[in-house]
PDB file of N, CA and C in Angstrom:
ATOM      1  N   MET A   1      -1.603 -21.126  32.013  1.00  0.00           N
ATOM      2  CA  MET A   1      -2.989 -21.488  31.858  1.00  0.00           C
ATOM      3  C   MET A   1      -3.737 -20.345  31.204  1.00  0.00           C
ATOM      4  N   LYS A   2      -4.751 -20.717  30.467  1.00  0.00           N
ATOM      5  CA  LYS A   2      -5.538 -19.732  29.747  1.00  0.00           C
ATOM      6  C   LYS A   2      -6.994 -19.847  30.161  1.00  0.00           C
ATOM      7  N   HIS A   3      -7.771 -18.911  29.685  1.00  0.00           N
ATOM      8  CA  HIS A   3      -9.214 -18.928  29.914  1.00  0.00           C
ATOM      9  C   HIS A   3      -9.900 -19.103  28.569  1.00  0.00           C
ATOM     10  N   ILE A   4     -10.896 -19.978  28.562  1.00  0.00           N
ATOM     11  CA  ILE A   4     -11.669 -20.214  27.348  1.00  0.00           C
ATOM     12  C   ILE A   4     -13.120 -19.906  27.660  1.00  0.00           C
ATOM     13  N   SER A   5     -13.764 -19.210  26.767  1.00  0.00           N
ATOM     14  CA  SER A   5     -15.193 -18.959  26.910  1.00  0.00           C
ATOM     15  C   SER A   5     -15.815 -19.087  25.532  1.00  0.00           C
ATOM     16  N   GLY A   6     -17.105 -19.105  25.503  1.00  0.00           N
ATOM     17  CA  GLY A   6     -17.797 -19.235  24.231  1.00  0.00           C
ATOM     18  C   GLY A   6     -19.115 -19.929  24.433  1.00  0.00           C
ATOM     19  N   GLY A   7     -19.844 -20.100  23.374  1.00  0.00           N
ATOM     20  CA  GLY A   7     -21.194 -20.623  23.427  1.00  0.00           C
ATOM     21  C   GLY A   7     -21.372 -21.920  24.188  1.00  0.00           C
ATOM     22  N   LYS A   8     -20.473 -22.872  24.041  1.00  0.00           N
ATOM     23  CA  LYS A   8     -20.662 -24.181  24.652  1.00  0.00           C
ATOM     24  C   LYS A   8     -19.967 -24.347  25.996  1.00  0.00           C
ATOM     25  N   VAL A   9     -19.071 -23.440  26.356  1.00  0.00           N
ATOM     26  CA  VAL A   9     -18.289 -23.580  27.585  1.00  0.00           C
ATOM     27  C   VAL A   9     -19.057 -22.993  28.756  1.00  0.00           C
ATOM     28  N   ASN A  10     -19.160 -23.795  29.823  1.00  0.00           N
ATOM     29  CA  ASN A  10     -19.827 -23.365  31.045  1.00  0.00           C
ATOM     30  C   ASN A  10     -19.128 -22.128  31.593  1.00  0.00           C
ATOM     31  N   ARG A  11     -19.870 -21.164  32.030  1.00  0.00           N
ATOM     32  CA  ARG A  11     -19.310 -19.874  32.427  1.00  0.00           C
ATOM     33  C   ARG A  11     -18.757 -19.835  33.858  1.00  0.00           C
ATOM     34  N   SER A  12     -19.029 -20.812  34.679  1.00  0.00           N
ATOM     35  CA  SER A  12     -18.612 -20.737  36.081  1.00  0.00           C
ATOM     36  C   SER A  12     -17.110 -20.977  36.271  1.00  0.00           C
ATOM     37  N   HIS A  13     -16.478 -21.650  35.326  1.00  0.00           N
ATOM     38  CA  HIS A  13     -15.047 -21.957  35.454  1.00  0.00           C
ATOM     39  C   HIS A  13     -14.461 -21.968  34.050  1.00  0.00           C
ATOM     40  N   THR A  14     -13.553 -21.063  33.753  1.00  0.00           N
ATOM     41  CA  THR A  14     -13.034 -20.967  32.385  1.00  0.00           C
ATOM     42  C   THR A  14     -11.539 -21.230  32.271  1.00  0.00           C
ATOM     43  N   THR A  15     -10.872 -21.574  33.370  1.00  0.00           N
ATOM     44  CA  THR A  15      -9.434 -21.828  33.321  1.00  0.00           C
ATOM     45  C   THR A  15      -9.172 -23.205  32.714  1.00  0.00           C
ATOM     46  N   VAL A  16      -8.245 -23.245  31.786  1.00  0.00           N
ATOM     47  CA  VAL A  16      -7.914 -24.496  31.110  1.00  0.00           C
ATOM     48  C   VAL A  16      -6.387 -24.620  31.056  1.00  0.00           C
ATOM     49  N   ILE A  17      -5.880 -25.844  31.301  1.00  0.00           N
ATOM     50  CA  ILE A  17      -4.441 -26.066  31.206  1.00  0.00           C
ATOM     51  C   ILE A  17      -4.030 -26.013  29.736  1.00  0.00           C
ATOM     52  N   ASP A  18      -2.763 -25.755  29.496  1.00  0.00           N
ATOM     53  CA  ASP A  18      -2.280 -25.640  28.119  1.00  0.00           C
ATOM     54  C   ASP A  18      -2.576 -26.902  27.307  1.00  0.00           C
ATOM     55  N   ALA A  19      -2.419 -28.067  27.920  1.00  0.00           N
ATOM     56  CA  ALA A  19      -2.646 -29.326  27.212  1.00  0.00           C
ATOM     57  C   ALA A  19      -4.103 -29.493  26.800  1.00  0.00           C
ATOM     58  N   ALA A  20      -5.036 -28.961  27.572  1.00  0.00           N
ATOM     59  CA  ALA A  20      -6.462 -29.127  27.282  1.00  0.00           C
ATOM     60  C   ALA A  20      -7.007 -28.060  26.346  1.00  0.00           C
ATOM     61  N   GLU A  21      -6.249 -27.009  26.095  1.00  0.00           N
ATOM     62  CA  GLU A  21      -6.758 -25.914  25.258  1.00  0.00           C
ATOM     63  C   GLU A  21      -7.131 -26.402  23.852  1.00  0.00           C
ATOM     64  N   LYS A  22      -6.228 -27.130  23.204  1.00  0.00           N
ATOM     65  CA  LYS A  22      -6.491 -27.641  21.856  1.00  0.00           C
ATOM     66  C   LYS A  22      -7.661 -28.630  21.874  1.00  0.00           C
ATOM     67  N   PHE A  23      -7.737 -29.437  22.920  1.00  0.00           N
ATOM     68  CA  PHE A  23      -8.805 -30.419  23.071  1.00  0.00           C
ATOM     69  C   PHE A  23     -10.169 -29.732  23.182  1.00  0.00           C
ATOM     70  N   VAL A  24     -10.263 -28.715  24.040  1.00  0.00           N
ATOM     71  CA  VAL A  24     -11.528 -28.003  24.253  1.00  0.00           C
ATOM     72  C   VAL A  24     -11.937 -27.248  22.988  1.00  0.00           C
ATOM     73  N   LYS A  25     -10.988 -26.637  22.316  1.00  0.00           N
ATOM     74  CA  LYS A  25     -11.314 -25.923  21.074  1.00  0.00           C
ATOM     75  C   LYS A  25     -11.827 -26.884  20.005  1.00  0.00           C
ATOM     76  N   ALA A  26     -11.263 -28.085  19.934  1.00  0.00           N
ATOM     77  CA  ALA A  26     -11.752 -29.090  18.988  1.00  0.00           C
ATOM     78  C   ALA A  26     -13.162 -29.540  19.371  1.00  0.00           C
ATOM     79  N   ALA A  27     -13.425 -29.699  20.667  1.00  0.00           N
ATOM     80  CA  ALA A  27     -14.754 -30.106  21.132  1.00  0.00           C
ATOM     81  C   ALA A  27     -15.796 -29.035  20.830  1.00  0.00           C
ATOM     82  N   GLN A  28     -15.417 -27.763  20.937  1.00  0.00           N
ATOM     83  CA  GLN A  28     -16.345 -26.669  20.641  1.00  0.00           C
ATOM     84  C   GLN A  28     -16.819 -26.706  19.193  1.00  0.00           C
ATOM     85  N   LYS A  29     -15.996 -27.212  18.293  1.00  0.00           N
ATOM     86  CA  LYS A  29     -16.338 -27.243  16.871  1.00  0.00           C
ATOM     87  C   LYS A  29     -17.273 -28.391  16.508  1.00  0.00           C
ATOM     88  N   LEU A  30     -17.412 -29.372  17.392  1.00  0.00           N
ATOM     89  CA  LEU A  30     -18.258 -30.527  17.087  1.00  0.00           C
ATOM     90  C   LEU A  30     -19.731 -30.189  17.309  1.00  0.00           C
ATOM     91  N   PRO A  31     -20.575 -30.362  16.304  1.00  0.00           N
ATOM     92  CA  PRO A  31     -21.998 -30.070  16.486  1.00  0.00           C
ATOM     93  C   PRO A  31     -22.674 -31.024  17.477  1.00  0.00           C
ATOM     94  N   GLU A  32     -22.088 -32.203  17.691  1.00  0.00           N
ATOM     95  CA  GLU A  32     -22.671 -33.177  18.623  1.00  0.00           C
ATOM     96  C   GLU A  32     -22.499 -32.771  20.082  1.00  0.00           C
ATOM     97  N   VAL A  33     -21.555 -31.899  20.380  1.00  0.00           N
ATOM     98  CA  VAL A  33     -21.306 -31.458  21.758  1.00  0.00           C
ATOM     99  C   VAL A  33     -22.238 -30.294  22.074  1.00  0.00           C
ATOM    100  N   ASN A  34     -23.091 -30.489  23.099  1.00  0.00           N
ATOM    101  CA  ASN A  34     -24.059 -29.462  23.493  1.00  0.00           C
ATOM    102  C   ASN A  34     -23.487 -28.491  24.515  1.00  0.00           C
ATOM    103  N   LYS A  35     -22.643 -29.006  25.419  1.00  0.00           N
ATOM    104  CA  LYS A  35     -22.111 -28.181  26.501  1.00  0.00           C
ATOM    105  C   LYS A  35     -20.766 -28.744  26.938  1.00  0.00           C
ATOM    106  N   ILE A  36     -19.869 -27.851  27.346  1.00  0.00           N
ATOM    107  CA  ILE A  36     -18.556 -28.238  27.857  1.00  0.00           C
ATOM    108  C   ILE A  36     -18.406 -27.629  29.240  1.00  0.00           C
ATOM    109  N   SER A  37     -18.074 -28.465  30.210  1.00  0.00           N
ATOM    110  CA  SER A  37     -17.860 -27.989  31.571  1.00  0.00           C
ATOM    111  C   SER A  37     -16.428 -28.321  31.975  1.00  0.00           C
ATOM    112  N   LEU A  38     -15.649 -27.285  32.255  1.00  0.00           N
ATOM    113  CA  LEU A  38     -14.254 -27.482  32.649  1.00  0.00           C
ATOM    114  C   LEU A  38     -14.195 -27.823  34.128  1.00  0.00           C
ATOM    115  N   GLY A  39     -13.548 -28.941  34.443  1.00  0.00           N
ATOM    116  CA  GLY A  39     -13.486 -29.414  35.810  1.00  0.00           C
ATOM    117  C   GLY A  39     -12.193 -29.041  36.501  1.00  0.00           C
ATOM    118  N   PRO A  40     -11.934 -29.717  37.618  1.00  0.00           N
ATOM    119  CA  PRO A  40     -10.767 -29.396  38.436  1.00  0.00           C
ATOM    120  C   PRO A  40      -9.445 -29.668  37.718  1.00  0.00           C
ATOM    121  N   ILE A  41      -8.438 -28.946  38.168  1.00  0.00           N
ATOM    122  CA  ILE A  41      -7.083 -29.081  37.640  1.00  0.00           C
ATOM    123  C   ILE A  41      -6.199 -29.616  38.758  1.00  0.00           C
ATOM    124  N   LYS A  42      -5.445 -30.670  38.447  1.00  0.00           N
ATOM    125  CA  LYS A  42      -4.478 -31.222  39.399  1.00  0.00           C
ATOM    126  C   LYS A  42      -3.092 -30.887  38.867  1.00  0.00           C
ATOM    127  N   MET A  43      -2.332 -30.124  39.652  1.00  0.00           N
ATOM    128  CA  MET A  43      -1.016 -29.637  39.215  1.00  0.00           C
ATOM    129  C   MET A  43       0.098 -30.337  39.997  1.00  0.00           C
ATOM    130  N   GLY A  44       1.323 -30.167  39.528  1.00  0.00           N
ATOM    131  CA  GLY A  44       2.491 -30.669  40.239  1.00  0.00           C
ATOM    132  C   GLY A  44       2.674 -32.165  40.167  1.00  0.00           C
ATOM    133  N   LEU A  45       2.243 -32.782  39.086  1.00  0.00           N
ATOM    134  CA  LEU A  45       2.380 -34.227  38.930  1.00  0.00           C
ATOM    135  C   LEU A  45       3.754 -34.573  38.366  1.00  0.00           C
ATOM    136  N   PRO A  46       4.161 -35.831  38.498  1.00  0.00           N
ATOM    137  CA  PRO A  46       5.415 -36.247  37.869  1.00  0.00           C
ATOM    138  C   PRO A  46       5.319 -36.069  36.351  1.00  0.00           C
ATOM    139  N   ALA A  47       6.449 -35.927  35.704  1.00  0.00           N
ATOM    140  CA  ALA A  47       6.470 -35.730  34.254  1.00  0.00           C
ATOM    141  C   ALA A  47       5.745 -36.871  33.553  1.00  0.00           C
ATOM    142  N   GLY A  48       4.970 -36.518  32.538  1.00  0.00           N
ATOM    143  CA  GLY A  48       4.224 -37.519  31.786  1.00  0.00           C
ATOM    144  C   GLY A  48       3.950 -37.042  30.377  1.00  0.00           C
ATOM    145  N   ASP A  49       3.380 -37.930  29.587  1.00  0.00           N
ATOM    146  CA  ASP A  49       3.071 -37.617  28.195  1.00  0.00           C
ATOM    147  C   ASP A  49       1.687 -36.992  28.072  1.00  0.00           C
ATOM    148  N   TYR A  50       1.471 -36.307  26.966  1.00  0.00           N
ATOM    149  CA  TYR A  50       0.152 -35.786  26.638  1.00  0.00           C
ATOM    150  C   TYR A  50      -0.746 -36.963  26.271  1.00  0.00           C
ATOM    151  N   ASN A  51      -1.925 -37.027  26.857  1.00  0.00           N
ATOM    152  CA  ASN A  51      -2.911 -38.023  26.450  1.00  0.00           C
ATOM    153  C   ASN A  51      -4.280 -37.643  26.995  1.00  0.00           C
ATOM    154  N   VAL A  52      -5.274 -38.401  26.602  1.00  0.00           N
ATOM    155  CA  VAL A  52      -6.633 -38.176  27.076  1.00  0.00           C
ATOM    156  C   VAL A  52      -7.267 -39.529  27.367  1.00  0.00           C
ATOM    157  N   LYS A  53      -8.019 -39.597  28.461  1.00  0.00           N
ATOM    158  CA  LYS A  53      -8.716 -40.814  28.857  1.00  0.00           C
ATOM    159  C   LYS A  53     -10.198 -40.469  28.949  1.00  0.00           C
ATOM    160  N   PHE A  54     -11.038 -41.264  28.306  1.00  0.00           N
ATOM    161  CA  PHE A  54     -12.477 -41.015  28.291  1.00  0.00           C
ATOM    162  C   PHE A  54     -13.197 -41.955  29.244  1.00  0.00           C
ATOM    163  N   ILE A  55     -14.177 -41.414  29.970  1.00  0.00           N
ATOM    164  CA  ILE A  55     -14.986 -42.184  30.910  1.00  0.00           C
ATOM    165  C   ILE A  55     -16.451 -41.840  30.639  1.00  0.00           C
ATOM    166  N   PRO A  56     -17.299 -42.842  30.350  1.00  0.00           N
ATOM    167  CA  PRO A  56     -18.712 -42.551  30.094  1.00  0.00           C
ATOM    168  C   PRO A  56     -19.401 -42.007  31.346  1.00  0.00           C
ATOM    169  N   ILE A  57     -20.258 -41.013  31.159  1.00  0.00           N
ATOM    170  CA  ILE A  57     -21.087 -40.475  32.237  1.00  0.00           C
ATOM    171  C   ILE A  57     -22.511 -40.342  31.706  1.00  0.00           C
ATOM    172  N   VAL A  58     -23.463 -40.160  32.602  1.00  0.00           N
ATOM    173  CA  VAL A  58     -24.839 -39.929  32.183  1.00  0.00           C
ATOM    174  C   VAL A  58     -24.885 -38.601  31.427  1.00  0.00           C
ATOM    175  N   GLY A  59     -25.364 -38.631  30.211  1.00  0.00           N
ATOM    176  CA  GLY A  59     -25.491 -37.412  29.421  1.00  0.00           C
ATOM    177  C   GLY A  59     -24.272 -37.044  28.604  1.00  0.00           C
ATOM    178  N   GLY A  60     -23.251 -37.908  28.582  1.00  0.00           N
ATOM    179  CA  GLY A  60     -22.077 -37.563  27.783  1.00  0.00           C
ATOM    180  C   GLY A  60     -20.850 -38.364  28.136  1.00  0.00           C
ATOM    181  N   VAL A  61     -19.722 -37.664  28.199  1.00  0.00           N
ATOM    182  CA  VAL A  61     -18.443 -38.320  28.461  1.00  0.00           C
ATOM    183  C   VAL A  61     -17.549 -37.379  29.270  1.00  0.00           C
ATOM    184  N   GLN A  62     -16.786 -37.977  30.170  1.00  0.00           N
ATOM    185  CA  GLN A  62     -15.789 -37.229  30.943  1.00  0.00           C
ATOM    186  C   GLN A  62     -14.432 -37.516  30.323  1.00  0.00           C
ATOM    187  N   ALA A  63     -13.653 -36.477  30.102  1.00  0.00           N
ATOM    188  CA  ALA A  63     -12.309 -36.640  29.548  1.00  0.00           C
ATOM    189  C   ALA A  63     -11.293 -36.143  30.565  1.00  0.00           C
ATOM    190  N   LYS A  64     -10.284 -36.961  30.830  1.00  0.00           N
ATOM    191  CA  LYS A  64      -9.168 -36.541  31.675  1.00  0.00           C
ATOM    192  C   LYS A  64      -8.011 -36.233  30.732  1.00  0.00           C
ATOM    193  N   VAL A  65      -7.694 -34.952  30.625  1.00  0.00           N
ATOM    194  CA  VAL A  65      -6.663 -34.497  29.696  1.00  0.00           C
ATOM    195  C   VAL A  65      -5.362 -34.313  30.469  1.00  0.00           C
ATOM    196  N   ARG A  66      -4.312 -35.007  30.017  1.00  0.00           N
ATOM    197  CA  ARG A  66      -3.023 -35.014  30.715  1.00  0.00           C
ATOM    198  C   ARG A  66      -2.017 -34.187  29.942  1.00  0.00           C
ATOM    199  N   GLY A  67      -1.355 -33.302  30.647  1.00  0.00           N
ATOM    200  CA  GLY A  67      -0.244 -32.531  30.098  1.00  0.00           C
ATOM    201  C   GLY A  67       1.043 -32.994  30.746  1.00  0.00           C
ATOM    202  N   PRO A  68       2.142 -32.291  30.528  1.00  0.00           N
ATOM    203  CA  PRO A  68       3.425 -32.722  31.078  1.00  0.00           C
ATOM    204  C   PRO A  68       3.433 -32.842  32.602  1.00  0.00           C
ATOM    205  N   ARG A  69       2.746 -31.951  33.309  1.00  0.00           N
ATOM    206  CA  ARG A  69       2.764 -31.983  34.771  1.00  0.00           C
ATOM    207  C   ARG A  69       1.410 -31.682  35.400  1.00  0.00           C
ATOM    208  N   SER A  70       0.336 -31.825  34.625  1.00  0.00           N
ATOM    209  CA  SER A  70      -0.991 -31.529  35.158  1.00  0.00           C
ATOM    210  C   SER A  70      -2.060 -32.352  34.443  1.00  0.00           C
ATOM    211  N   ILE A  71      -3.217 -32.458  35.104  1.00  0.00           N
ATOM    212  CA  ILE A  71      -4.388 -33.140  34.544  1.00  0.00           C
ATOM    213  C   ILE A  71      -5.587 -32.235  34.758  1.00  0.00           C
ATOM    214  N   GLN A  72      -6.467 -32.171  33.744  1.00  0.00           N
ATOM    215  CA  GLN A  72      -7.720 -31.447  33.902  1.00  0.00           C
ATOM    216  C   GLN A  72      -8.856 -32.343  33.444  1.00  0.00           C
ATOM    217  N   VAL A  73      -9.937 -32.324  34.219  1.00  0.00           N
ATOM    218  CA  VAL A  73     -11.144 -33.052  33.866  1.00  0.00           C
ATOM    219  C   VAL A  73     -12.018 -32.118  33.034  1.00  0.00           C
ATOM    220  N   VAL A  74     -12.537 -32.645  31.921  1.00  0.00           N
ATOM    221  CA  VAL A  74     -13.432 -31.887  31.048  1.00  0.00           C
ATOM    222  C   VAL A  74     -14.674 -32.739  30.820  1.00  0.00           C
ATOM    223  N   PHE A  75     -15.846 -32.186  31.121  1.00  0.00           N
ATOM    224  CA  PHE A  75     -17.107 -32.879  30.906  1.00  0.00           C
ATOM    225  C   PHE A  75     -17.703 -32.409  29.588  1.00  0.00           C
ATOM    226  N   LEU A  76     -18.029 -33.369  28.719  1.00  0.00           N
ATOM    227  CA  LEU A  76     -18.619 -33.066  27.418  1.00  0.00           C
ATOM    228  C   LEU A  76     -20.029 -33.648  27.395  1.00  0.00           C
ATOM    229  N   TYR A  77     -21.017 -32.797  27.255  1.00  0.00           N
ATOM    230  CA  TYR A  77     -22.408 -33.235  27.254  1.00  0.00           C
ATOM    231  C   TYR A  77     -22.877 -33.401  25.816  1.00  0.00           C
ATOM    232  N   THR A  78     -23.353 -34.613  25.506  1.00  0.00           N
ATOM    233  CA  THR A  78     -23.722 -34.969  24.144  1.00  0.00           C
ATOM    234  C   THR A  78     -24.686 -36.149  24.157  1.00  0.00           C
ATOM    235  N   LYS A  79     -25.439 -36.293  23.079  1.00  0.00           N
ATOM    236  CA  LYS A  79     -26.308 -37.460  22.916  1.00  0.00           C
ATOM    237  C   LYS A  79     -25.578 -38.580  22.183  1.00  0.00           C
ATOM    238  N   ASN A  80     -24.385 -38.301  21.689  1.00  0.00           N
ATOM    239  CA  ASN A  80     -23.616 -39.281  20.933  1.00  0.00           C
ATOM    240  C   ASN A  80     -22.176 -39.360  21.456  1.00  0.00           C
ATOM    241  N   PRO A  81     -21.985 -39.905  22.678  1.00  0.00           N
ATOM    242  CA  PRO A  81     -20.646 -39.913  23.284  1.00  0.00           C
ATOM    243  C   PRO A  81     -19.612 -40.726  22.505  1.00  0.00           C
ATOM    244  N   ASP A  82     -20.030 -41.812  21.861  1.00  0.00           N
ATOM    245  CA  ASP A  82     -19.067 -42.627  21.111  1.00  0.00           C
ATOM    246  C   ASP A  82     -18.467 -41.846  19.943  1.00  0.00           C
ATOM    247  N   MET A  83     -19.308 -41.109  19.237  1.00  0.00           N
ATOM    248  CA  MET A  83     -18.822 -40.319  18.107  1.00  0.00           C
ATOM    249  C   MET A  83     -17.891 -39.208  18.577  1.00  0.00           C
ATOM    250  N   VAL A  84     -18.262 -38.536  19.670  1.00  0.00           N
ATOM    251  CA  VAL A  84     -17.437 -37.457  20.220  1.00  0.00           C
ATOM    252  C   VAL A  84     -16.083 -38.008  20.661  1.00  0.00           C
ATOM    253  N   GLU A  85     -16.098 -39.157  21.311  1.00  0.00           N
ATOM    254  CA  GLU A  85     -14.841 -39.776  21.758  1.00  0.00           C
ATOM    255  C   GLU A  85     -13.939 -40.105  20.570  1.00  0.00           C
ATOM    256  N   ARG A  86     -14.509 -40.688  19.530  1.00  0.00           N
ATOM    257  CA  ARG A  86     -13.714 -41.014  18.335  1.00  0.00           C
ATOM    258  C   ARG A  86     -13.144 -39.751  17.686  1.00  0.00           C
ATOM    259  N   ALA A  87     -13.955 -38.703  17.622  1.00  0.00           N
ATOM    260  CA  ALA A  87     -13.519 -37.462  16.974  1.00  0.00           C
ATOM    261  C   ALA A  87     -12.398 -36.775  17.751  1.00  0.00           C
ATOM    262  N   LEU A  88     -12.432 -36.872  19.077  1.00  0.00           N
ATOM    263  CA  LEU A  88     -11.456 -36.154  19.902  1.00  0.00           C
ATOM    264  C   LEU A  88     -10.251 -36.994  20.316  1.00  0.00           C
ATOM    265  N   ALA A  89     -10.319 -38.306  20.123  1.00  0.00           N
ATOM    266  CA  ALA A  89      -9.217 -39.180  20.542  1.00  0.00           C
ATOM    267  C   ALA A  89      -7.922 -38.863  19.798  1.00  0.00           C
ATOM    268  N   SER A  90      -8.048 -38.316  18.610  1.00  0.00           N
ATOM    269  CA  SER A  90      -6.857 -38.066  17.788  1.00  0.00           C
ATOM    270  C   SER A  90      -6.214 -36.703  18.040  1.00  0.00           C
ATOM    271  N   VAL A  91      -6.741 -35.910  18.963  1.00  0.00           N
ATOM    272  CA  VAL A  91      -6.217 -34.556  19.185  1.00  0.00           C
ATOM    273  C   VAL A  91      -4.725 -34.573  19.509  1.00  0.00           C
ATOM    274  N   PHE A  92      -4.273 -35.516  20.326  1.00  0.00           N
ATOM    275  CA  PHE A  92      -2.864 -35.553  20.713  1.00  0.00           C
ATOM    276  C   PHE A  92      -2.017 -36.420  19.786  1.00  0.00           C
ATOM    277  N   SER A  93      -2.641 -37.135  18.853  1.00  0.00           N
ATOM    278  CA  SER A  93      -1.856 -37.989  17.961  1.00  0.00           C
ATOM    279  C   SER A  93      -1.462 -37.272  16.675  1.00  0.00           C
ATOM    280  N   ARG A  94      -1.903 -36.014  16.504  1.00  0.00           N
ATOM    281  CA  ARG A  94      -1.558 -35.261  15.288  1.00  0.00           C
ATOM    282  C   ARG A  94      -0.217 -34.611  15.418  1.00  0.00           C
TER     283      ARG A  94
END
């Protein structure tokens, strides 16, 4: 696991799973994203594929980023959640 910090990332929690690192860095580059808050990490899960699931929230979108054996919740605060979701949905398909 790594730590990410920067202008848009909330400072209270900076640990990010390897699978979410590329996702968060892509979100930081989007001008539509005002703030990124890294949520809880669930470790020790059965083997799975990399993917992301988006859930609408007030003020933005919640993303559940799945790695081989862990999941991390990432909150993206934006006024345009549909555009952010479309822009970030392809992170794992490249």
